[in-house]
Amino acid sequence: MKALGIQSRFWSMGRITGDLYAVLYTASKLLTLAELSHELNVTKGNVRY
């Protein structure tokens, strides 16, 4: 997950965006906003598309 977050900075997307895509891509089920923010250890306001 961290590797995609680092790579996303190269493409000017931001670390959290890369981390978000990694979590969603590897998740085995649909995740709620609360679960995403918990998994990424960020506030819900930082989890945006």
N, C-alpha and C. Protein backbone atom coordinates (compact mmCIF):
# COMPACT_ATOMS: atom_id res chain seq x y z
N MET A 1 0.82 -1.18 0.00
CA MET A 1 0.00 0.00 0.00
C MET A 1 0.87 1.25 0.00
N LYS A 2 1.91 1.25 0.81
CA LYS A 2 2.77 2.42 0.89
C LYS A 2 3.47 2.70 -0.44
N ALA A 3 3.80 1.62 -1.17
CA ALA A 3 4.47 1.80 -2.46
C ALA A 3 3.59 2.56 -3.44
N LEU A 4 2.29 2.25 -3.47
CA LEU A 4 1.39 2.96 -4.37
C LEU A 4 1.21 4.40 -3.91
N GLY A 5 1.21 4.62 -2.60
CA GLY A 5 1.14 5.99 -2.09
C GLY A 5 2.35 6.81 -2.50
N ILE A 6 3.53 6.20 -2.45
CA ILE A 6 4.76 6.89 -2.86
C ILE A 6 4.74 7.13 -4.37
N GLN A 7 4.33 6.13 -5.13
CA GLN A 7 4.29 6.26 -6.58
C GLN A 7 3.28 7.33 -7.01
N SER A 8 2.19 7.45 -6.28
CA SER A 8 1.18 8.45 -6.65
C SER A 8 1.72 9.86 -6.52
N ARG A 9 2.66 10.08 -5.63
CA ARG A 9 3.28 11.41 -5.52
C ARG A 9 4.02 11.76 -6.81
N PHE A 10 4.63 10.75 -7.43
CA PHE A 10 5.34 10.96 -8.69
C PHE A 10 4.38 11.49 -9.76
N TRP A 11 3.13 11.00 -9.75
CA TRP A 11 2.13 11.41 -10.73
C TRP A 11 1.33 12.61 -10.22
N SER A 12 1.78 13.26 -9.16
CA SER A 12 1.16 14.46 -8.58
C SER A 12 -0.27 14.22 -8.09
N MET A 13 -0.55 13.02 -7.59
CA MET A 13 -1.87 12.72 -7.06
C MET A 13 -1.94 12.87 -5.55
N GLY A 14 -0.84 12.80 -4.86
CA GLY A 14 -0.84 12.87 -3.41
C GLY A 14 -0.80 11.50 -2.78
N ARG A 15 -0.19 11.42 -1.63
CA ARG A 15 0.01 10.14 -0.95
C ARG A 15 -1.31 9.50 -0.55
N ILE A 16 -2.22 10.29 0.03
CA ILE A 16 -3.48 9.73 0.52
C ILE A 16 -4.30 9.17 -0.64
N THR A 17 -4.29 9.83 -1.77
CA THR A 17 -5.01 9.32 -2.94
C THR A 17 -4.47 7.97 -3.37
N GLY A 18 -3.15 7.84 -3.41
CA GLY A 18 -2.54 6.56 -3.76
C GLY A 18 -2.85 5.48 -2.75
N ASP A 19 -2.80 5.85 -1.48
CA ASP A 19 -3.13 4.89 -0.42
C ASP A 19 -4.60 4.46 -0.53
N LEU A 20 -5.47 5.41 -0.84
CA LEU A 20 -6.89 5.12 -0.99
C LEU A 20 -7.13 4.12 -2.11
N TYR A 21 -6.51 4.35 -3.26
CA TYR A 21 -6.65 3.40 -4.37
C TYR A 21 -6.11 2.03 -3.99
N ALA A 22 -5.02 1.98 -3.28
CA ALA A 22 -4.44 0.69 -2.88
C ALA A 22 -5.38 -0.06 -1.95
N VAL A 23 -5.97 0.63 -0.98
CA VAL A 23 -6.90 -0.02 -0.04
C VAL A 23 -8.13 -0.52 -0.79
N LEU A 24 -8.68 0.31 -1.65
CA LEU A 24 -9.87 -0.10 -2.39
C LEU A 24 -9.58 -1.26 -3.33
N TYR A 25 -8.43 -1.25 -3.96
CA TYR A 25 -8.06 -2.31 -4.91
C TYR A 25 -7.84 -3.65 -4.22
N THR A 26 -7.30 -3.61 -3.02
CA THR A 26 -6.97 -4.86 -2.33
C THR A 26 -8.06 -5.32 -1.37
N ALA A 27 -9.09 -4.52 -1.18
CA ALA A 27 -10.17 -4.88 -0.24
C ALA A 27 -10.97 -6.06 -0.77
N SER A 28 -11.36 -6.93 0.12
CA SER A 28 -12.15 -8.09 -0.27
C SER A 28 -13.65 -7.82 -0.18
N LYS A 29 -14.01 -6.62 0.30
CA LYS A 29 -15.42 -6.23 0.41
C LYS A 29 -15.52 -4.72 0.24
N LEU A 30 -16.73 -4.25 0.08
CA LEU A 30 -16.95 -2.81 0.02
C LEU A 30 -16.63 -2.20 1.37
N LEU A 31 -16.02 -1.02 1.37
CA LEU A 31 -15.64 -0.37 2.61
C LEU A 31 -16.42 0.92 2.79
N THR A 32 -16.78 1.21 4.02
CA THR A 32 -17.46 2.47 4.33
C THR A 32 -16.41 3.57 4.47
N LEU A 33 -16.89 4.79 4.52
CA LEU A 33 -16.01 5.93 4.73
C LEU A 33 -15.26 5.80 6.06
N ALA A 34 -15.96 5.36 7.09
CA ALA A 34 -15.33 5.19 8.40
C ALA A 34 -14.23 4.13 8.35
N GLU A 35 -14.49 3.03 7.63
CA GLU A 35 -13.48 1.97 7.51
C GLU A 35 -12.26 2.45 6.72
N LEU A 36 -12.51 3.22 5.66
CA LEU A 36 -11.40 3.75 4.87
C LEU A 36 -10.54 4.70 5.70
N SER A 37 -11.18 5.60 6.40
CA SER A 37 -10.41 6.56 7.21
C SER A 37 -9.65 5.85 8.32
N HIS A 38 -10.24 4.80 8.89
CA HIS A 38 -9.54 4.03 9.92
C HIS A 38 -8.34 3.29 9.32
N GLU A 39 -8.54 2.67 8.18
CA GLU A 39 -7.47 1.91 7.52
C GLU A 39 -6.30 2.82 7.13
N LEU A 40 -6.61 4.03 6.68
CA LEU A 40 -5.58 4.97 6.24
C LEU A 40 -5.03 5.82 7.39
N ASN A 41 -5.70 5.75 8.54
CA ASN A 41 -5.31 6.54 9.71
C ASN A 41 -5.34 8.04 9.40
N VAL A 42 -6.44 8.46 8.75
CA VAL A 42 -6.65 9.86 8.44
C VAL A 42 -8.09 10.22 8.80
N THR A 43 -8.41 11.49 8.82
CA THR A 43 -9.77 11.92 9.11
C THR A 43 -10.67 11.63 7.90
N LYS A 44 -11.97 11.59 8.13
CA LYS A 44 -12.91 11.35 7.06
C LYS A 44 -12.83 12.45 5.99
N GLY A 45 -12.50 13.66 6.40
CA GLY A 45 -12.37 14.77 5.46
C GLY A 45 -11.23 14.59 4.47
N ASN A 46 -10.24 13.79 4.84
CA ASN A 46 -9.13 13.53 3.93
C ASN A 46 -9.42 12.41 2.95
N VAL A 47 -10.49 11.67 3.19
CA VAL A 47 -10.87 10.57 2.27
C VAL A 47 -11.86 11.16 1.29
N ARG A 48 -11.36 11.53 0.15
CA ARG A 48 -12.22 12.10 -0.89
C ARG A 48 -11.74 11.58 -2.23
N TYR A 49 -12.62 11.56 -3.19
CA TYR A 49 -12.28 11.04 -4.51
C TYR A 49 -11.99 12.18 -5.44
